[in-house]
Amino acid sequence: MKPIDLRSDTVTRPSEEMLKVMAQAEVGDDVYGEDPTVNRLQELAAGMLGKEAALFVPSGTMSNLLSLLTHCGRGDEYIAGQDAHIYRWEGGGGAIFGGIQPQPLDFEPDGTLDLGRVSRAVKSPDHHHAVTRLLCLENTQGGRVLPLPYLAEAERCARSHGLSLHLDGARIFNAAVHQGVPVTEIAKHFDTVSVCLSKGLGAPVGSVLCGSAAFIDRAHRWRKVAGGGMRQAGILAAAGIYALKHNVERLAEDHRNAQALAGGLASIKGLSVTPANTNILFVTPPAGTAAKLRDELGRQGIFLGGGDCIRLVTHLDVSAADVERTIAAFRKFLN
């Protein structure tokens, strides 16, 4: 039977249409700035996000790293959530490569950072302290969408302390589709935004870092230093262009499938299920059963994330029929 991979939306495969535009892409040497398809992708992404410029990079991790290295100097500090990707899941790159200190704070239940705690975490001018330079937010955060009024409040908070703002917007288009607003309504509050093309948008590789022209020029140098300068990268950029032009509005389908999955699983006795706002939900089976559940469903070609609290992610390779098959498999296992 067809595999159903719910571990992440990073597992998507390029469609035939996407592969076709990749095969036909016009290419050049992007390190020289001569790849026309990369240049088109960067112009498209910057325009969509309402920024002056953008930089195509191999991964979201590199995009966030370049942002840290460009916003901050050695001995500077950034504030982020305790479970934020930029802090917990990217190998400490800012500290390793930039000597940049993280100041993690606990997330609130809705995925926001308490702005009072943010203010208190900003270091006073003192030679004993790191210099706080940057506030990093994440949207979506565990599938939760940051409220638009909160973004405006966060911007005012950051500006009052002289901080720049970076958004890890790996799934920013999921947030915009969920809220029914242009993505610029989210991005306008931030100096820089990282956008992943290889999650729900379905490209095989790549992210774009968007910001001012001057910022992106400095980040371009850091991309080279970090080993992210690619040559005939237009083959990959073509997939990103296709994703941005064809796969944004369809994210609503992933959201509907996640909601159906959450609703179906919540009806099964013994499961604790979080609501699905976008394409991510979490399910906790009875104590001691998670590993057995994962193994049993894996034998049926249904692949789940790790841990006792299991993350399930819908994407363009998961259909409504796949959702029903998954619910049935959970029900059979628990009954």
C-alpha atoms as a PDB file:
ATOM      1  CA  MET A   1       0.000   0.000   0.000  1.00  0.00           C
ATOM      2  CA  LYS A   2       0.997   3.629  -0.436  1.00  0.00           C
ATOM      3  CA  PRO A   3       3.253   4.787   2.442  1.00  0.00           C
ATOM      4  CA  ILE A   4       1.841   7.524   4.659  1.00  0.00           C
ATOM      5  CA  ASP A   5       4.672   9.522   6.213  1.00  0.00           C
ATOM      6  CA  LEU A   6       3.423  11.781   9.005  1.00  0.00           C
ATOM      7  CA  ARG A   7       6.795  12.418  10.638  1.00  0.00           C
ATOM      8  CA  SER A   8       7.268  15.830   9.032  1.00  0.00           C
ATOM      9  CA  ASP A   9       6.369  17.964   6.031  1.00  0.00           C
ATOM     10  CA  THR A  10      10.063  17.822   5.070  1.00  0.00           C
ATOM     11  CA  VAL A  11       9.472  14.386   3.522  1.00  0.00           C
ATOM     12  CA  THR A  12       7.532  15.687   0.510  1.00  0.00           C
ATOM     13  CA  ARG A  13       8.623  14.608  -2.974  1.00  0.00           C
ATOM     14  CA  PRO A  14       8.715  16.926  -6.006  1.00  0.00           C
ATOM     15  CA  SER A  15       5.681  16.553  -8.258  1.00  0.00           C
ATOM     16  CA  GLU A  16       6.065  15.733 -11.944  1.00  0.00           C
ATOM     17  CA  GLU A  17       5.336  19.369 -12.803  1.00  0.00           C
ATOM     18  CA  MET A  18       8.021  20.559 -10.392  1.00  0.00           C
ATOM     19  CA  LEU A  19      10.553  18.076 -11.770  1.00  0.00           C
ATOM     20  CA  LYS A  20       9.804  19.312 -15.269  1.00  0.00           C
ATOM     21  CA  VAL A  21      10.596  22.954 -14.451  1.00  0.00           C
ATOM     22  CA  MET A  22      13.728  21.856 -12.623  1.00  0.00           C
ATOM     23  CA  ALA A  23      14.934  19.948 -15.676  1.00  0.00           C
ATOM     24  CA  GLN A  24      14.295  22.973 -17.896  1.00  0.00           C
ATOM     25  CA  ALA A  25      15.824  25.586 -15.581  1.00  0.00           C
ATOM     26  CA  GLU A  26      18.193  28.155 -17.026  1.00  0.00           C
ATOM     27  CA  VAL A  27      21.357  28.144 -14.905  1.00  0.00           C
ATOM     28  CA  GLY A  28      24.580  30.044 -14.329  1.00  0.00           C
ATOM     29  CA  ASP A  29      27.163  30.399 -11.579  1.00  0.00           C
ATOM     30  CA  ASP A  30      25.316  31.732  -8.551  1.00  0.00           C
ATOM     31  CA  VAL A  31      28.521  32.492  -6.623  1.00  0.00           C
ATOM     32  CA  TYR A  32      29.137  35.082  -9.341  1.00  0.00           C
ATOM     33  CA  GLY A  33      25.502  36.159  -9.120  1.00  0.00           C
ATOM     34  CA  GLU A  34      24.955  34.822 -12.640  1.00  0.00           C
ATOM     35  CA  ASP A  35      22.274  32.178 -12.141  1.00  0.00           C
ATOM     36  CA  PRO A  36      19.129  33.770 -13.613  1.00  0.00           C
ATOM     37  CA  THR A  37      16.766  31.295 -11.965  1.00  0.00           C
ATOM     38  CA  VAL A  38      18.250  31.875  -8.509  1.00  0.00           C
ATOM     39  CA  ASN A  39      17.966  35.613  -9.099  1.00  0.00           C
ATOM     40  CA  ARG A  40      14.299  35.230 -10.074  1.00  0.00           C
ATOM     41  CA  LEU A  41      13.582  33.164  -6.981  1.00  0.00           C
ATOM     42  CA  GLN A  42      15.211  35.765  -4.739  1.00  0.00           C
ATOM     43  CA  GLU A  43      13.270  38.598  -6.375  1.00  0.00           C
ATOM     44  CA  LEU A  44      10.015  36.641  -6.122  1.00  0.00           C
ATOM     45  CA  ALA A  45      10.517  35.751  -2.457  1.00  0.00           C
ATOM     46  CA  ALA A  46      11.519  39.286  -1.474  1.00  0.00           C
ATOM     47  CA  GLY A  47       8.480  40.692  -3.254  1.00  0.00           C
ATOM     48  CA  MET A  48       6.093  38.233  -1.660  1.00  0.00           C
ATOM     49  CA  LEU A  49       7.461  38.987   1.824  1.00  0.00           C
ATOM     50  CA  GLY A  50       7.539  42.749   1.265  1.00  0.00           C
ATOM     51  CA  LYS A  51      11.312  42.980   1.686  1.00  0.00           C
ATOM     52  CA  GLU A  52      13.983  44.592  -0.464  1.00  0.00           C
ATOM     53  CA  ALA A  53      16.066  41.494  -1.102  1.00  0.00           C
ATOM     54  CA  ALA A  54      16.399  37.776  -0.451  1.00  0.00           C
ATOM     55  CA  LEU A  55      19.121  35.141  -0.384  1.00  0.00           C
ATOM     56  CA  PHE A  56      18.671  31.511  -1.469  1.00  0.00           C
ATOM     57  CA  VAL A  57      20.384  29.080   0.918  1.00  0.00           C
ATOM     58  CA  PRO A  58      20.532  25.279   1.195  1.00  0.00           C
ATOM     59  CA  SER A  59      18.576  24.974   4.460  1.00  0.00           C
ATOM     60  CA  GLY A  60      16.513  26.727   7.102  1.00  0.00           C
ATOM     61  CA  THR A  61      19.284  26.079   9.609  1.00  0.00           C
ATOM     62  CA  MET A  62      21.733  28.017   7.442  1.00  0.00           C
ATOM     63  CA  SER A  63      19.196  30.780   6.889  1.00  0.00           C
ATOM     64  CA  ASN A  64      18.755  31.265  10.629  1.00  0.00           C
ATOM     65  CA  LEU A  65      22.509  31.027  11.193  1.00  0.00           C
ATOM     66  CA  LEU A  66      23.204  33.742   8.606  1.00  0.00           C
ATOM     67  CA  SER A  67      20.647  35.925  10.312  1.00  0.00           C
ATOM     68  CA  LEU A  68      22.349  35.516  13.693  1.00  0.00           C
ATOM     69  CA  LEU A  69      25.805  36.155  12.225  1.00  0.00           C
ATOM     70  CA  THR A  70      24.608  39.284  10.422  1.00  0.00           C
ATOM     71  CA  HIS A  71      22.510  40.769  13.215  1.00  0.00           C
ATOM     72  CA  CYS A  72      24.993  40.029  16.015  1.00  0.00           C
ATOM     73  CA  GLY A  73      28.703  40.249  16.707  1.00  0.00           C
ATOM     74  CA  ARG A  74      30.882  38.140  18.979  1.00  0.00           C
ATOM     75  CA  GLY A  75      29.739  38.461  22.574  1.00  0.00           C
ATOM     76  CA  ASP A  76      26.294  39.692  21.563  1.00  0.00           C
ATOM     77  CA  GLU A  77      23.097  37.953  22.595  1.00  0.00           C
ATOM     78  CA  TYR A  78      19.787  36.927  21.072  1.00  0.00           C
ATOM     79  CA  ILE A  79      16.530  36.088  22.865  1.00  0.00           C
ATOM     80  CA  ALA A  80      14.522  33.084  21.689  1.00  0.00           C
ATOM     81  CA  GLY A  81      12.116  30.464  22.971  1.00  0.00           C
ATOM     82  CA  GLN A  82      13.436  27.571  25.021  1.00  0.00           C
ATOM     83  CA  ASP A  83      12.138  25.108  22.419  1.00  0.00           C
ATOM     84  CA  ALA A  84      12.657  27.362  19.393  1.00  0.00           C
ATOM     85  CA  HIS A  85      14.264  25.701  16.403  1.00  0.00           C
ATOM     86  CA  ILE A  86      16.954  28.386  16.174  1.00  0.00           C
ATOM     87  CA  TYR A  87      18.032  27.625  19.748  1.00  0.00           C
ATOM     88  CA  ARG A  88      17.335  23.937  20.412  1.00  0.00           C
ATOM     89  CA  TRP A  89      17.513  22.196  17.035  1.00  0.00           C
ATOM     90  CA  GLU A  90      20.309  23.882  15.072  1.00  0.00           C
ATOM     91  CA  GLY A  91      23.429  22.595  16.793  1.00  0.00           C
ATOM     92  CA  GLY A  92      24.333  25.822  18.589  1.00  0.00           C
ATOM     93  CA  GLY A  93      25.584  27.307  15.342  1.00  0.00           C
ATOM     94  CA  GLY A  94      25.366  30.908  16.498  1.00  0.00           C
ATOM     95  CA  ALA A  95      27.605  30.132  19.466  1.00  0.00           C
ATOM     96  CA  ILE A  96      29.990  27.907  17.498  1.00  0.00           C
ATOM     97  CA  PHE A  97      30.532  30.156  14.482  1.00  0.00           C
ATOM     98  CA  GLY A  98      29.690  33.607  15.820  1.00  0.00           C
ATOM     99  CA  GLY A  99      30.380  33.564  19.552  1.00  0.00           C
ATOM    100  CA  ILE A 100      26.750  34.666  19.986  1.00  0.00           C
ATOM    101  CA  GLN A 101      25.077  33.937  23.308  1.00  0.00           C
ATOM    102  CA  PRO A 102      21.482  32.692  23.386  1.00  0.00           C
ATOM    103  CA  GLN A 103      19.066  33.806  26.088  1.00  0.00           C
ATOM    104  CA  PRO A 104      16.262  31.217  25.996  1.00  0.00           C
ATOM    105  CA  LEU A 105      12.863  31.865  27.589  1.00  0.00           C
ATOM    106  CA  ASP A 106       9.977  29.460  28.115  1.00  0.00           C
ATOM    107  CA  PHE A 107       7.168  29.636  25.593  1.00  0.00           C
ATOM    108  CA  GLU A 108       3.655  30.462  26.715  1.00  0.00           C
ATOM    109  CA  PRO A 109       0.979  27.811  25.954  1.00  0.00           C
ATOM    110  CA  ASP A 110       0.005  29.662  22.752  1.00  0.00           C
ATOM    111  CA  GLY A 111       3.559  29.675  21.380  1.00  0.00           C
ATOM    112  CA  THR A 112       4.296  33.308  22.204  1.00  0.00           C
ATOM    113  CA  LEU A 113       7.022  34.701  24.418  1.00  0.00           C
ATOM    114  CA  ASP A 114       5.836  36.780  27.373  1.00  0.00           C
ATOM    115  CA  LEU A 115       6.980  40.271  26.399  1.00  0.00           C
ATOM    116  CA  GLY A 116       7.401  41.311  30.030  1.00  0.00           C
ATOM    117  CA  ARG A 117       9.893  38.489  30.456  1.00  0.00           C
ATOM    118  CA  VAL A 118      11.540  39.507  27.181  1.00  0.00           C
ATOM    119  CA  SER A 119      11.987  43.040  28.514  1.00  0.00           C
ATOM    120  CA  ARG A 120      13.455  41.764  31.758  1.00  0.00           C
ATOM    121  CA  ALA A 121      15.862  39.503  29.839  1.00  0.00           C
ATOM    122  CA  VAL A 122      17.364  42.403  27.892  1.00  0.00           C
ATOM    123  CA  LYS A 123      20.722  43.123  29.499  1.00  0.00           C
ATOM    124  CA  SER A 124      21.429  46.579  30.904  1.00  0.00           C
ATOM    125  CA  PRO A 125      24.498  48.473  29.634  1.00  0.00           C
ATOM    126  CA  ASP A 126      27.179  46.946  31.808  1.00  0.00           C
ATOM    127  CA  HIS A 127      30.610  45.585  30.962  1.00  0.00           C
ATOM    128  CA  HIS A 128      29.682  42.421  32.842  1.00  0.00           C
ATOM    129  CA  HIS A 129      26.895  41.582  30.392  1.00  0.00           C
ATOM    130  CA  ALA A 130      26.539  40.355  26.870  1.00  0.00           C
ATOM    131  CA  VAL A 131      24.921  42.946  24.610  1.00  0.00           C
ATOM    132  CA  THR A 132      21.347  41.993  23.723  1.00  0.00           C
ATOM    133  CA  ARG A 133      20.877  42.665  20.006  1.00  0.00           C
ATOM    134  CA  LEU A 134      18.084  40.503  18.661  1.00  0.00           C
ATOM    135  CA  LEU A 135      14.665  39.036  19.421  1.00  0.00           C
ATOM    136  CA  CYS A 136      13.845  35.849  17.512  1.00  0.00           C
ATOM    137  CA  LEU A 137      10.280  34.594  17.161  1.00  0.00           C
ATOM    138  CA  GLU A 138       8.972  31.487  15.410  1.00  0.00           C
ATOM    139  CA  ASN A 139       5.778  31.296  13.334  1.00  0.00           C
ATOM    140  CA  THR A 140       4.307  28.766  13.357  1.00  0.00           C
ATOM    141  CA  GLN A 141       5.520  27.388  16.695  1.00  0.00           C
ATOM    142  CA  GLY A 142       4.618  23.727  17.091  1.00  0.00           C
ATOM    143  CA  GLY A 143       1.794  24.349  14.636  1.00  0.00           C
ATOM    144  CA  ARG A 144       0.481  27.290  16.671  1.00  0.00           C
ATOM    145  CA  VAL A 145       0.034  30.596  14.843  1.00  0.00           C
ATOM    146  CA  LEU A 146       1.195  33.778  16.563  1.00  0.00           C
ATOM    147  CA  PRO A 147      -1.682  36.300  16.779  1.00  0.00           C
ATOM    148  CA  LEU A 148      -1.307  39.386  14.592  1.00  0.00           C
ATOM    149  CA  PRO A 149      -1.820  41.828  17.496  1.00  0.00           C
ATOM    150  CA  TYR A 150       0.951  40.026  19.382  1.00  0.00           C
ATOM    151  CA  LEU A 151       3.367  40.589  16.492  1.00  0.00           C
ATOM    152  CA  ALA A 152       2.726  44.324  16.653  1.00  0.00           C
ATOM    153  CA  GLU A 153       3.280  44.281  20.429  1.00  0.00           C
ATOM    154  CA  ALA A 154       6.494  42.290  20.002  1.00  0.00           C
ATOM    155  CA  GLU A 155       7.741  44.806  17.470  1.00  0.00           C
ATOM    156  CA  ARG A 156       7.041  47.706  19.864  1.00  0.00           C
ATOM    157  CA  CYS A 157       8.760  45.823  22.679  1.00  0.00           C
ATOM    158  CA  ALA A 158      11.858  45.119  20.605  1.00  0.00           C
ATOM    159  CA  ARG A 159      12.124  48.668  19.293  1.00  0.00           C
ATOM    160  CA  SER A 160      11.804  50.087  22.807  1.00  0.00           C
ATOM    161  CA  HIS A 161      14.965  48.184  23.716  1.00  0.00           C
ATOM    162  CA  GLY A 162      16.814  48.883  20.467  1.00  0.00           C
ATOM    163  CA  LEU A 163      16.573  45.256  19.337  1.00  0.00           C
ATOM    164  CA  SER A 164      16.272  43.915  15.815  1.00  0.00           C
ATOM    165  CA  LEU A 165      13.671  41.248  15.074  1.00  0.00           C
ATOM    166  CA  HIS A 166      14.148  37.999  13.184  1.00  0.00           C
ATOM    167  CA  LEU A 167      11.356  35.582  12.338  1.00  0.00           C
ATOM    168  CA  ASP A 168      12.019  31.904  11.854  1.00  0.00           C
ATOM    169  CA  GLY A 169       9.142  31.699   9.404  1.00  0.00           C
ATOM    170  CA  ALA A 170       9.817  28.166   8.243  1.00  0.00           C
ATOM    171  CA  ARG A 171       6.022  27.765   7.987  1.00  0.00           C
ATOM    172  CA  ILE A 172       5.063  31.430   7.662  1.00  0.00           C
ATOM    173  CA  PHE A 173       2.803  30.668   4.704  1.00  0.00           C
ATOM    174  CA  ASN A 174       0.889  28.156   6.838  1.00  0.00           C
ATOM    175  CA  ALA A 175       0.345  30.971   9.333  1.00  0.00           C
ATOM    176  CA  ALA A 176      -0.810  33.408   6.645  1.00  0.00           C
ATOM    177  CA  VAL A 177      -3.212  30.898   5.084  1.00  0.00           C
ATOM    178  CA  HIS A 178      -4.636  30.024   8.509  1.00  0.00           C
ATOM    179  CA  GLN A 179      -5.200  33.703   9.351  1.00  0.00           C
ATOM    180  CA  GLY A 180      -6.491  34.562   5.885  1.00  0.00           C
ATOM    181  CA  VAL A 181      -4.062  37.460   5.434  1.00  0.00           C
ATOM    182  CA  PRO A 182      -1.300  38.292   2.945  1.00  0.00           C
ATOM    183  CA  VAL A 183       2.024  37.005   4.225  1.00  0.00           C
ATOM    184  CA  THR A 184       3.277  40.604   4.288  1.00  0.00           C
ATOM    185  CA  GLU A 185       0.937  41.268   7.238  1.00  0.00           C
ATOM    186  CA  ILE A 186       3.158  38.932   9.259  1.00  0.00           C
ATOM    187  CA  ALA A 187       6.533  39.754   7.718  1.00  0.00           C
ATOM    188  CA  LYS A 188       6.175  43.545   8.044  1.00  0.00           C
ATOM    189  CA  HIS A 189       6.880  43.389  11.775  1.00  0.00           C
ATOM    190  CA  PHE A 190      10.339  41.831  11.295  1.00  0.00           C
ATOM    191  CA  ASP A 191      13.667  43.047   9.980  1.00  0.00           C
ATOM    192  CA  THR A 192      14.438  39.603   8.584  1.00  0.00           C
ATOM    193  CA  VAL A 193      12.404  36.505   7.803  1.00  0.00           C
ATOM    194  CA  SER A 194      13.572  32.974   7.022  1.00  0.00           C
ATOM    195  CA  VAL A 195      11.179  30.975   4.827  1.00  0.00           C
ATOM    196  CA  CYS A 196      11.516  27.238   4.204  1.00  0.00           C
ATOM    197  CA  LEU A 197      10.704  26.007   0.691  1.00  0.00           C
ATOM    198  CA  SER A 198      11.161  22.312   1.460  1.00  0.00           C
ATOM    199  CA  LYS A 199       8.420  21.797   4.037  1.00  0.00           C
ATOM    200  CA  GLY A 200       4.750  22.213   3.169  1.00  0.00           C
ATOM    201  CA  LEU A 201       5.604  24.112  -0.014  1.00  0.00           C
ATOM    202  CA  GLY A 202       7.055  20.904  -1.407  1.00  0.00           C
ATOM    203  CA  ALA A 203      10.425  21.911  -2.861  1.00  0.00           C
ATOM    204  CA  PRO A 204      13.188  19.315  -2.396  1.00  0.00           C
ATOM    205  CA  VAL A 205      15.807  21.715  -0.983  1.00  0.00           C
ATOM    206  CA  GLY A 206      16.246  25.244   0.208  1.00  0.00           C
ATOM    207  CA  SER A 207      15.174  28.279   2.172  1.00  0.00           C
ATOM    208  CA  VAL A 208      15.232  32.009   1.520  1.00  0.00           C
ATOM    209  CA  LEU A 209      16.352  34.716   3.935  1.00  0.00           C
ATOM    210  CA  CYS A 210      14.560  38.005   3.305  1.00  0.00           C
ATOM    211  CA  GLY A 211      15.444  41.482   4.551  1.00  0.00           C
ATOM    212  CA  SER A 212      16.833  44.845   3.534  1.00  0.00           C
ATOM    213  CA  ALA A 213      19.250  45.064   0.624  1.00  0.00           C
ATOM    214  CA  ALA A 214      22.088  46.092   2.946  1.00  0.00           C
ATOM    215  CA  PHE A 215      21.395  43.218   5.339  1.00  0.00           C
ATOM    216  CA  ILE A 216      21.228  40.615   2.573  1.00  0.00           C
ATOM    217  CA  ASP A 217      24.487  41.913   1.118  1.00  0.00           C
ATOM    218  CA  ARG A 218      26.212  41.235   4.455  1.00  0.00           C
ATOM    219  CA  ALA A 219      24.457  37.890   4.835  1.00  0.00           C
ATOM    220  CA  HIS A 220      25.684  36.943   1.352  1.00  0.00           C
ATOM    221  CA  ARG A 221      29.248  37.057   2.621  1.00  0.00           C
ATOM    222  CA  TRP A 222      28.351  34.866   5.599  1.00  0.00           C
ATOM    223  CA  ARG A 223      26.695  32.386   3.239  1.00  0.00           C
ATOM    224  CA  LYS A 224      30.025  32.014   1.445  1.00  0.00           C
ATOM    225  CA  VAL A 225      31.910  31.649   4.736  1.00  0.00           C
ATOM    226  CA  ALA A 226      29.439  28.989   5.912  1.00  0.00           C
ATOM    227  CA  GLY A 227      29.910  26.983   2.723  1.00  0.00           C
ATOM    228  CA  GLY A 228      26.507  27.797   1.282  1.00  0.00           C
ATOM    229  CA  GLY A 229      27.671  29.278  -2.006  1.00  0.00           C
ATOM    230  CA  MET A 230      26.216  26.988  -4.680  1.00  0.00           C
ATOM    231  CA  ARG A 231      27.063  27.106  -8.370  1.00  0.00           C
ATOM    232  CA  GLN A 232      24.417  26.102 -10.931  1.00  0.00           C
ATOM    233  CA  ALA A 233      21.748  26.241  -8.240  1.00  0.00           C
ATOM    234  CA  GLY A 234      18.978  27.272 -10.628  1.00  0.00           C
ATOM    235  CA  ILE A 235      17.903  23.638 -10.857  1.00  0.00           C
ATOM    236  CA  LEU A 236      16.940  23.859  -7.176  1.00  0.00           C
ATOM    237  CA  ALA A 237      15.729  27.451  -7.352  1.00  0.00           C
ATOM    238  CA  ALA A 238      13.283  26.491 -10.095  1.00  0.00           C
ATOM    239  CA  ALA A 239      11.595  24.148  -7.625  1.00  0.00           C
ATOM    240  CA  GLY A 240      11.367  27.017  -5.141  1.00  0.00           C
ATOM    241  CA  ILE A 241       9.741  29.277  -7.729  1.00  0.00           C
ATOM    242  CA  TYR A 242       7.233  26.568  -8.584  1.00  0.00           C
ATOM    243  CA  ALA A 243       6.499  26.051  -4.876  1.00  0.00           C
ATOM    244  CA  LEU A 244       5.850  29.744  -4.240  1.00  0.00           C
ATOM    245  CA  LYS A 245       3.649  30.078  -7.312  1.00  0.00           C
ATOM    246  CA  HIS A 246       1.605  26.886  -6.972  1.00  0.00           C
ATOM    247  CA  ASN A 247       1.767  25.463  -3.450  1.00  0.00           C
ATOM    248  CA  VAL A 248       0.856  28.301  -1.094  1.00  0.00           C
ATOM    249  CA  GLU A 249      -2.941  28.384  -1.285  1.00  0.00           C
ATOM    250  CA  ARG A 250      -3.162  24.593  -1.242  1.00  0.00           C
ATOM    251  CA  LEU A 251      -1.743  24.608   2.303  1.00  0.00           C
ATOM    252  CA  ALA A 252      -5.373  25.028   3.391  1.00  0.00           C
ATOM    253  CA  GLU A 253      -5.917  21.422   2.278  1.00  0.00           C
ATOM    254  CA  ASP A 254      -3.151  20.253   4.616  1.00  0.00           C
ATOM    255  CA  HIS A 255      -4.816  22.183   7.436  1.00  0.00           C
ATOM    256  CA  ARG A 256      -8.184  20.538   6.746  1.00  0.00           C
ATOM    257  CA  ASN A 257      -6.544  17.114   6.719  1.00  0.00           C
ATOM    258  CA  ALA A 258      -4.791  17.836  10.022  1.00  0.00           C
ATOM    259  CA  GLN A 259      -8.071  18.947  11.581  1.00  0.00           C
ATOM    260  CA  ALA A 260      -9.797  15.799  10.335  1.00  0.00           C
ATOM    261  CA  LEU A 261      -6.956  13.686  11.695  1.00  0.00           C
ATOM    262  CA  ALA A 262      -7.104  15.415  15.077  1.00  0.00           C
ATOM    263  CA  GLY A 263     -10.868  15.031  15.236  1.00  0.00           C
ATOM    264  CA  GLY A 264     -10.777  11.371  14.319  1.00  0.00           C
ATOM    265  CA  LEU A 265      -8.022  10.501  16.758  1.00  0.00           C
ATOM    266  CA  ALA A 266      -9.688  12.459  19.563  1.00  0.00           C
ATOM    267  CA  SER A 267     -12.697  10.153  19.253  1.00  0.00           C
ATOM    268  CA  ILE A 268     -10.548   7.133  20.171  1.00  0.00           C
ATOM    269  CA  LYS A 269     -10.518   6.250  23.850  1.00  0.00           C
ATOM    270  CA  GLY A 270      -7.082   6.398  25.399  1.00  0.00           C
ATOM    271  CA  LEU A 271      -5.600   9.036  23.112  1.00  0.00           C
ATOM    272  CA  SER A 272      -4.801  12.595  24.155  1.00  0.00           C
ATOM    273  CA  VAL A 273      -4.815  14.828  21.074  1.00  0.00           C
ATOM    274  CA  THR A 274      -4.017  18.526  20.620  1.00  0.00           C
ATOM    275  CA  PRO A 275      -6.154  20.589  18.231  1.00  0.00           C
ATOM    276  CA  ALA A 276      -4.654  21.258  14.802  1.00  0.00           C
ATOM    277  CA  ASN A 277      -4.446  24.936  13.908  1.00  0.00           C
ATOM    278  CA  THR A 278      -2.353  24.403  10.801  1.00  0.00           C
ATOM    279  CA  ASN A 279      -0.752  21.144   9.637  1.00  0.00           C
ATOM    280  CA  ILE A 280       0.712  19.923  12.943  1.00  0.00           C
ATOM    281  CA  LEU A 281      -0.867  18.092  15.861  1.00  0.00           C
ATOM    282  CA  PHE A 282       0.389  16.018  18.773  1.00  0.00           C
ATOM    283  CA  VAL A 283      -1.032  12.737  20.037  1.00  0.00           C
ATOM    284  CA  THR A 284      -0.141  10.959  23.275  1.00  0.00           C
ATOM    285  CA  PRO A 285      -1.121   7.271  23.490  1.00  0.00           C
ATOM    286  CA  PRO A 286      -1.501   5.398  26.795  1.00  0.00           C
ATOM    287  CA  ALA A 287       1.694   5.217  28.838  1.00  0.00           C
ATOM    288  CA  GLY A 288       4.167   2.655  27.594  1.00  0.00           C
ATOM    289  CA  THR A 289       2.483   2.079  24.218  1.00  0.00           C
ATOM    290  CA  ALA A 290       4.091   4.698  21.970  1.00  0.00           C
ATOM    291  CA  ALA A 291       6.923   2.502  20.722  1.00  0.00           C
ATOM    292  CA  LYS A 292       4.609  -0.440  20.039  1.00  0.00           C
ATOM    293  CA  LEU A 293       2.151   1.858  18.256  1.00  0.00           C
ATOM    294  CA  ARG A 294       4.934   3.267  16.099  1.00  0.00           C
ATOM    295  CA  ASP A 295       6.198  -0.205  15.206  1.00  0.00           C
ATOM    296  CA  GLU A 296       2.760  -1.604  14.398  1.00  0.00           C
ATOM    297  CA  LEU A 297       1.719   1.301  12.203  1.00  0.00           C
ATOM    298  CA  GLY A 298       5.152   1.273  10.572  1.00  0.00           C
ATOM    299  CA  ARG A 299       4.521  -2.322   9.485  1.00  0.00           C
ATOM    300  CA  GLN A 300       1.367  -1.002   7.803  1.00  0.00           C
ATOM    301  CA  GLY A 301       3.315   1.714   5.992  1.00  0.00           C
ATOM    302  CA  ILE A 302       2.220   4.537   8.305  1.00  0.00           C
ATOM    303  CA  PHE A 303       5.235   6.370   9.729  1.00  0.00           C
ATOM    304  CA  LEU A 304       5.037   8.411  12.935  1.00  0.00           C
ATOM    305  CA  GLY A 305       7.457  10.700  14.763  1.00  0.00           C
ATOM    306  CA  GLY A 306       9.398   9.659  17.847  1.00  0.00           C
ATOM    307  CA  GLY A 307       8.802  10.135  21.542  1.00  0.00           C
ATOM    308  CA  ASP A 308       5.848   9.502  23.812  1.00  0.00           C
ATOM    309  CA  CYS A 309       4.091  12.654  22.633  1.00  0.00           C
ATOM    310  CA  ILE A 310       3.998  11.964  18.894  1.00  0.00           C
ATOM    311  CA  ARG A 311       4.009  14.798  16.380  1.00  0.00           C
ATOM    312  CA  LEU A 312       1.901  14.219  13.269  1.00  0.00           C
ATOM    313  CA  VAL A 313       2.322  16.502  10.259  1.00  0.00           C
ATOM    314  CA  THR A 314       0.146  16.615   7.149  1.00  0.00           C
ATOM    315  CA  HIS A 315       1.505  17.761   3.804  1.00  0.00           C
ATOM    316  CA  LEU A 316       0.927  17.561   0.062  1.00  0.00           C
ATOM    317  CA  ASP A 317       1.696  13.833  -0.039  1.00  0.00           C
ATOM    318  CA  VAL A 318      -1.016  13.060   2.542  1.00  0.00           C
ATOM    319  CA  SER A 319      -4.578  12.804   1.219  1.00  0.00           C
ATOM    320  CA  ALA A 320      -7.955  12.728   2.956  1.00  0.00           C
ATOM    321  CA  ALA A 321      -8.052   8.975   2.299  1.00  0.00           C
ATOM    322  CA  ASP A 322      -4.648   8.637   4.001  1.00  0.00           C
ATOM    323  CA  VAL A 323      -6.072  10.418   7.025  1.00  0.00           C
ATOM    324  CA  GLU A 324      -8.961   7.953   7.238  1.00  0.00           C
ATOM    325  CA  ARG A 325      -6.597   5.008   6.909  1.00  0.00           C
ATOM    326  CA  THR A 326      -4.436   6.403   9.699  1.00  0.00           C
ATOM    327  CA  ILE A 327      -7.382   6.922  12.037  1.00  0.00           C
ATOM    328  CA  ALA A 328      -8.536   3.363  11.388  1.00  0.00           C
ATOM    329  CA  ALA A 329      -5.056   2.010  12.146  1.00  0.00           C
ATOM    330  CA  PHE A 330      -4.897   3.912  15.450  1.00  0.00           C
ATOM    331  CA  ARG A 331      -8.377   2.662  16.397  1.00  0.00           C
ATOM    332  CA  LYS A 332      -7.540  -0.958  15.598  1.00  0.00           C
ATOM    333  CA  PHE A 333      -4.330  -0.793  17.630  1.00  0.00           C
ATOM    334  CA  LEU A 334      -5.986   0.684  20.705  1.00  0.00           C
ATOM    335  CA  ASN A 335      -9.073  -1.528  20.551  1.00  0.00           C
END
